[in-house]
N, C-alpha and C. Protein backbone atom coordinates (compact mmCIF):
# COMPACT_ATOMS: atom_id res chain seq x y z
N UNK A 1 -93.17 -56.84 99.09
CA UNK A 1 -93.50 -57.74 98.02
C UNK A 1 -93.65 -57.03 96.69
N UNK A 2 -94.04 -57.80 95.74
CA UNK A 2 -94.20 -57.33 94.37
C UNK A 2 -95.53 -56.60 94.24
N UNK A 3 -95.51 -55.35 93.78
CA UNK A 3 -96.74 -54.61 93.56
C UNK A 3 -96.53 -53.66 92.39
N UNK A 4 -97.01 -54.08 91.22
CA UNK A 4 -96.78 -53.27 90.02
C UNK A 4 -97.65 -52.01 89.97
N UNK A 5 -98.48 -51.81 90.97
CA UNK A 5 -99.28 -50.58 91.03
C UNK A 5 -98.61 -49.51 91.89
N UNK A 6 -97.52 -49.88 92.59
CA UNK A 6 -96.80 -48.93 93.44
C UNK A 6 -95.35 -48.74 93.03
N UNK A 7 -94.78 -49.68 92.31
CA UNK A 7 -93.37 -49.62 91.95
C UNK A 7 -93.25 -49.47 90.44
N UNK A 8 -92.62 -48.39 89.99
CA UNK A 8 -92.53 -48.10 88.55
C UNK A 8 -91.80 -49.22 87.81
N UNK A 9 -90.70 -49.70 88.35
CA UNK A 9 -89.95 -50.77 87.69
C UNK A 9 -90.78 -52.03 87.51
N UNK A 10 -91.56 -52.36 88.51
CA UNK A 10 -92.42 -53.54 88.42
C UNK A 10 -93.57 -53.31 87.44
N UNK A 11 -94.07 -52.07 87.39
CA UNK A 11 -95.11 -51.73 86.42
C UNK A 11 -94.58 -51.90 84.99
N UNK A 12 -93.38 -51.38 84.77
CA UNK A 12 -92.77 -51.50 83.43
C UNK A 12 -92.59 -52.98 83.10
N UNK A 13 -92.10 -53.77 84.03
CA UNK A 13 -91.85 -55.19 83.80
C UNK A 13 -93.15 -55.94 83.48
N UNK A 14 -94.16 -55.75 84.32
CA UNK A 14 -95.41 -56.52 84.20
C UNK A 14 -96.35 -56.00 83.11
N UNK A 15 -96.51 -54.70 83.04
CA UNK A 15 -97.55 -54.11 82.19
C UNK A 15 -97.00 -53.64 80.85
N UNK A 16 -95.95 -52.85 80.86
CA UNK A 16 -95.44 -52.26 79.63
C UNK A 16 -94.73 -53.31 78.76
N UNK A 17 -93.70 -53.96 79.31
CA UNK A 17 -92.91 -54.90 78.50
C UNK A 17 -93.74 -56.02 77.91
N UNK A 18 -94.73 -56.49 78.65
CA UNK A 18 -95.51 -57.64 78.22
C UNK A 18 -96.59 -57.31 77.19
N UNK A 19 -96.81 -56.03 76.93
CA UNK A 19 -97.91 -55.61 76.06
C UNK A 19 -97.42 -54.65 74.99
N UNK A 20 -97.14 -55.14 73.78
CA UNK A 20 -96.65 -54.25 72.72
C UNK A 20 -97.51 -53.01 72.49
N UNK A 21 -98.80 -53.11 72.73
CA UNK A 21 -99.69 -51.97 72.57
C UNK A 21 -99.42 -50.87 73.59
N UNK A 22 -98.68 -51.17 74.63
CA UNK A 22 -98.38 -50.19 75.67
C UNK A 22 -96.95 -49.67 75.61
N UNK A 23 -96.18 -50.09 74.64
CA UNK A 23 -94.78 -49.67 74.55
C UNK A 23 -94.65 -48.16 74.40
N UNK A 24 -95.47 -47.56 73.56
CA UNK A 24 -95.41 -46.08 73.40
C UNK A 24 -95.81 -45.40 74.69
N UNK A 25 -96.81 -45.96 75.37
CA UNK A 25 -97.24 -45.43 76.66
C UNK A 25 -96.09 -45.48 77.67
N UNK A 26 -95.30 -46.54 77.62
CA UNK A 26 -94.16 -46.67 78.51
C UNK A 26 -93.13 -45.58 78.27
N UNK A 27 -92.88 -45.27 77.01
CA UNK A 27 -91.93 -44.20 76.69
C UNK A 27 -92.48 -42.86 77.18
N UNK A 28 -93.77 -42.65 76.98
CA UNK A 28 -94.39 -41.40 77.47
C UNK A 28 -94.28 -41.30 78.99
N UNK A 29 -94.48 -42.43 79.67
CA UNK A 29 -94.35 -42.44 81.12
C UNK A 29 -92.93 -42.05 81.54
N UNK A 30 -91.93 -42.59 80.85
CA UNK A 30 -90.54 -42.26 81.19
C UNK A 30 -90.26 -40.78 80.96
N UNK A 31 -90.79 -40.21 79.88
CA UNK A 31 -90.60 -38.78 79.63
C UNK A 31 -91.28 -37.95 80.73
N UNK A 32 -92.44 -38.40 81.18
CA UNK A 32 -93.12 -37.72 82.29
C UNK A 32 -92.26 -37.79 83.55
N UNK A 33 -91.68 -38.97 83.82
CA UNK A 33 -90.84 -39.13 85.00
C UNK A 33 -89.58 -38.27 84.92
N UNK A 34 -89.05 -38.07 83.70
CA UNK A 34 -87.90 -37.17 83.53
C UNK A 34 -88.24 -35.77 84.00
N UNK A 35 -89.43 -35.30 83.62
CA UNK A 35 -89.88 -33.97 84.02
C UNK A 35 -90.13 -33.93 85.52
N UNK A 36 -90.78 -34.97 86.03
CA UNK A 36 -91.12 -35.03 87.45
C UNK A 36 -89.88 -35.03 88.33
N UNK A 37 -88.83 -35.71 87.91
CA UNK A 37 -87.62 -35.86 88.71
C UNK A 37 -86.45 -35.01 88.19
N UNK A 38 -86.77 -33.85 87.61
CA UNK A 38 -85.73 -33.02 87.00
C UNK A 38 -84.67 -32.57 88.00
N UNK A 39 -85.00 -32.56 89.30
CA UNK A 39 -84.05 -32.11 90.31
C UNK A 39 -83.41 -33.26 91.08
N UNK A 40 -83.61 -34.49 90.63
CA UNK A 40 -83.04 -35.66 91.30
C UNK A 40 -82.16 -36.42 90.30
N UNK A 41 -80.86 -36.15 90.31
CA UNK A 41 -79.97 -36.74 89.30
C UNK A 41 -79.98 -38.26 89.26
N UNK A 42 -80.08 -38.92 90.40
CA UNK A 42 -80.07 -40.39 90.41
C UNK A 42 -81.30 -40.95 89.72
N UNK A 43 -82.46 -40.41 90.03
CA UNK A 43 -83.69 -40.89 89.39
C UNK A 43 -83.71 -40.54 87.91
N UNK A 44 -83.23 -39.34 87.59
CA UNK A 44 -83.18 -38.90 86.19
C UNK A 44 -82.30 -39.84 85.38
N UNK A 45 -81.17 -40.24 85.93
CA UNK A 45 -80.27 -41.15 85.24
C UNK A 45 -80.92 -42.51 85.03
N UNK A 46 -81.62 -43.01 86.05
CA UNK A 46 -82.33 -44.29 85.91
C UNK A 46 -83.36 -44.22 84.81
N UNK A 47 -84.10 -43.11 84.75
CA UNK A 47 -85.13 -42.95 83.73
C UNK A 47 -84.51 -42.89 82.33
N UNK A 48 -83.41 -42.15 82.18
CA UNK A 48 -82.75 -42.05 80.88
C UNK A 48 -82.22 -43.42 80.43
N UNK A 49 -81.69 -44.18 81.38
CA UNK A 49 -81.20 -45.52 81.06
C UNK A 49 -82.35 -46.42 80.63
N UNK A 50 -83.48 -46.30 81.32
CA UNK A 50 -84.66 -47.09 80.97
C UNK A 50 -85.19 -46.68 79.59
N UNK A 51 -85.15 -45.39 79.28
CA UNK A 51 -85.56 -44.95 77.94
C UNK A 51 -84.67 -45.60 76.88
N UNK A 52 -83.38 -45.64 77.12
CA UNK A 52 -82.47 -46.31 76.19
C UNK A 52 -82.84 -47.78 76.01
N UNK A 53 -83.13 -48.45 77.13
CA UNK A 53 -83.51 -49.86 77.06
C UNK A 53 -84.81 -50.04 76.29
N UNK A 54 -85.79 -49.19 76.56
CA UNK A 54 -87.08 -49.31 75.87
C UNK A 54 -86.93 -49.08 74.37
N UNK A 55 -86.20 -48.02 74.01
CA UNK A 55 -86.01 -47.77 72.58
C UNK A 55 -85.25 -48.91 71.91
N UNK A 56 -84.26 -49.46 72.59
CA UNK A 56 -83.47 -50.55 72.01
C UNK A 56 -84.26 -51.85 71.95
N UNK A 57 -84.76 -52.30 73.08
CA UNK A 57 -85.36 -53.63 73.17
C UNK A 57 -86.79 -53.70 72.64
N UNK A 58 -87.57 -52.66 72.89
CA UNK A 58 -88.98 -52.72 72.52
C UNK A 58 -89.23 -52.16 71.13
N UNK A 59 -88.67 -51.00 70.85
CA UNK A 59 -88.95 -50.31 69.58
C UNK A 59 -87.90 -50.57 68.51
N UNK A 60 -86.79 -51.15 68.88
CA UNK A 60 -85.66 -51.37 67.98
C UNK A 60 -85.26 -50.06 67.27
N UNK A 61 -85.34 -48.98 68.03
CA UNK A 61 -84.94 -47.65 67.55
C UNK A 61 -83.55 -47.39 68.15
N UNK A 62 -82.54 -47.86 67.43
CA UNK A 62 -81.18 -47.89 67.97
C UNK A 62 -80.56 -46.50 68.10
N UNK A 63 -80.95 -45.58 67.25
CA UNK A 63 -80.41 -44.22 67.34
C UNK A 63 -80.89 -43.56 68.63
N UNK A 64 -82.17 -43.69 68.94
CA UNK A 64 -82.69 -43.10 70.18
C UNK A 64 -82.12 -43.82 71.40
N UNK A 65 -81.97 -45.13 71.29
CA UNK A 65 -81.37 -45.88 72.41
C UNK A 65 -79.98 -45.35 72.70
N UNK A 66 -79.17 -45.19 71.66
CA UNK A 66 -77.80 -44.69 71.85
C UNK A 66 -77.82 -43.29 72.45
N UNK A 67 -78.73 -42.45 71.97
CA UNK A 67 -78.84 -41.09 72.51
C UNK A 67 -79.08 -41.12 74.01
N UNK A 68 -80.09 -41.89 74.44
CA UNK A 68 -80.44 -41.89 75.86
C UNK A 68 -79.36 -42.53 76.71
N UNK A 69 -78.74 -43.60 76.22
CA UNK A 69 -77.66 -44.21 76.99
C UNK A 69 -76.47 -43.27 77.11
N UNK A 70 -76.12 -42.60 76.02
CA UNK A 70 -75.00 -41.65 76.09
C UNK A 70 -75.35 -40.43 76.93
N UNK A 71 -76.58 -39.98 76.82
CA UNK A 71 -77.00 -38.82 77.62
C UNK A 71 -76.97 -39.16 79.10
N UNK A 72 -77.39 -40.37 79.47
CA UNK A 72 -77.35 -40.77 80.88
C UNK A 72 -75.90 -40.84 81.35
N UNK A 73 -75.00 -41.22 80.46
CA UNK A 73 -73.58 -41.26 80.80
C UNK A 73 -73.05 -39.85 81.06
N UNK A 74 -73.45 -38.91 80.22
CA UNK A 74 -72.98 -37.53 80.37
C UNK A 74 -73.48 -36.92 81.67
N UNK A 75 -74.68 -37.29 82.07
CA UNK A 75 -75.26 -36.73 83.29
C UNK A 75 -74.63 -37.36 84.52
N UNK A 76 -74.44 -38.67 84.49
CA UNK A 76 -74.00 -39.35 85.71
C UNK A 76 -72.58 -39.90 85.62
N UNK A 77 -71.97 -39.81 84.46
CA UNK A 77 -70.60 -40.26 84.34
C UNK A 77 -70.43 -41.73 83.97
N UNK A 78 -71.53 -42.46 83.88
CA UNK A 78 -71.42 -43.87 83.53
C UNK A 78 -72.71 -44.33 82.86
N UNK A 79 -72.58 -45.00 81.74
CA UNK A 79 -73.76 -45.54 81.07
C UNK A 79 -74.39 -46.58 81.98
N UNK A 80 -75.69 -46.50 82.11
CA UNK A 80 -76.40 -47.49 82.89
C UNK A 80 -76.28 -47.32 84.39
N UNK A 81 -76.00 -46.11 84.85
CA UNK A 81 -75.82 -45.91 86.29
C UNK A 81 -77.08 -46.24 87.07
N UNK A 82 -78.23 -46.17 86.43
CA UNK A 82 -79.48 -46.45 87.13
C UNK A 82 -79.84 -47.92 87.19
N UNK A 83 -79.03 -48.78 86.56
CA UNK A 83 -79.30 -50.21 86.61
C UNK A 83 -78.08 -50.90 87.16
N UNK A 84 -78.19 -52.17 87.45
CA UNK A 84 -77.06 -52.82 88.09
C UNK A 84 -76.66 -54.10 87.38
N UNK A 85 -75.49 -54.58 87.77
CA UNK A 85 -75.02 -55.90 87.38
C UNK A 85 -74.90 -56.14 85.89
N UNK A 86 -75.34 -57.32 85.47
CA UNK A 86 -75.18 -57.77 84.10
C UNK A 86 -75.85 -56.85 83.10
N UNK A 87 -77.04 -56.33 83.42
CA UNK A 87 -77.74 -55.43 82.48
C UNK A 87 -76.92 -54.18 82.23
N UNK A 88 -76.28 -53.64 83.26
CA UNK A 88 -75.45 -52.44 83.09
C UNK A 88 -74.26 -52.75 82.19
N UNK A 89 -73.60 -53.86 82.45
CA UNK A 89 -72.42 -54.22 81.65
C UNK A 89 -72.81 -54.41 80.19
N UNK A 90 -73.95 -55.06 79.94
CA UNK A 90 -74.38 -55.25 78.55
C UNK A 90 -74.68 -53.92 77.88
N UNK A 91 -75.41 -53.03 78.57
CA UNK A 91 -75.75 -51.73 77.99
C UNK A 91 -74.50 -50.94 77.70
N UNK A 92 -73.60 -50.85 78.68
CA UNK A 92 -72.38 -50.06 78.51
C UNK A 92 -71.53 -50.64 77.39
N UNK A 93 -71.35 -51.96 77.37
CA UNK A 93 -70.53 -52.60 76.35
C UNK A 93 -71.10 -52.41 74.96
N UNK A 94 -72.40 -52.51 74.84
CA UNK A 94 -73.05 -52.37 73.54
C UNK A 94 -72.83 -50.97 72.98
N UNK A 95 -73.03 -49.96 73.82
CA UNK A 95 -72.87 -48.58 73.36
C UNK A 95 -71.40 -48.27 73.10
N UNK A 96 -70.51 -48.70 74.00
CA UNK A 96 -69.09 -48.41 73.82
C UNK A 96 -68.54 -49.07 72.56
N UNK A 97 -69.06 -50.22 72.19
CA UNK A 97 -68.60 -50.88 70.97
C UNK A 97 -69.24 -50.28 69.72
N UNK A 98 -70.07 -49.27 69.91
CA UNK A 98 -70.72 -48.64 68.77
C UNK A 98 -71.86 -49.48 68.23
N UNK A 99 -72.41 -50.34 69.07
CA UNK A 99 -73.47 -51.25 68.64
C UNK A 99 -74.64 -50.56 68.00
N UNK A 100 -75.14 -49.52 68.65
CA UNK A 100 -76.29 -48.83 68.09
C UNK A 100 -75.94 -48.12 66.81
N UNK A 101 -74.75 -47.54 66.74
CA UNK A 101 -74.36 -46.83 65.53
C UNK A 101 -74.24 -47.80 64.36
N UNK A 102 -73.73 -48.99 64.61
CA UNK A 102 -73.63 -49.98 63.55
C UNK A 102 -74.99 -50.40 63.01
N UNK A 103 -75.98 -50.44 63.91
CA UNK A 103 -77.31 -50.85 63.51
C UNK A 103 -78.02 -49.80 62.67
N UNK A 104 -77.65 -48.54 62.86
CA UNK A 104 -78.28 -47.47 62.09
C UNK A 104 -77.39 -46.99 60.95
N UNK A 105 -76.28 -47.67 60.75
CA UNK A 105 -75.42 -47.33 59.64
C UNK A 105 -74.47 -46.18 59.89
N UNK A 106 -74.26 -45.84 61.19
CA UNK A 106 -73.42 -44.69 61.53
C UNK A 106 -72.05 -45.07 61.67
């Protein structure tokens, strides 16, 4: 079942996303998870993809979003490898179309 105290994705969904005051904490958590999972490429890619999503959707920091999405692509060969379905296609399409660069004037 659903338990946001045991599942990081559910914690981000329930606690971080819903509370603007915790958005910075969410980014810090993802950076901590990057360090924690430095030897696990699949988890690292998921975390980098989530960082891109957080910077884009929560902070509207499009340059950092593009960095993390592109970095996750370089590590795993595909943007959004840690997410599935429609969210992956949207992330990949947005970055490939230069969406973030257009938003920051690049």
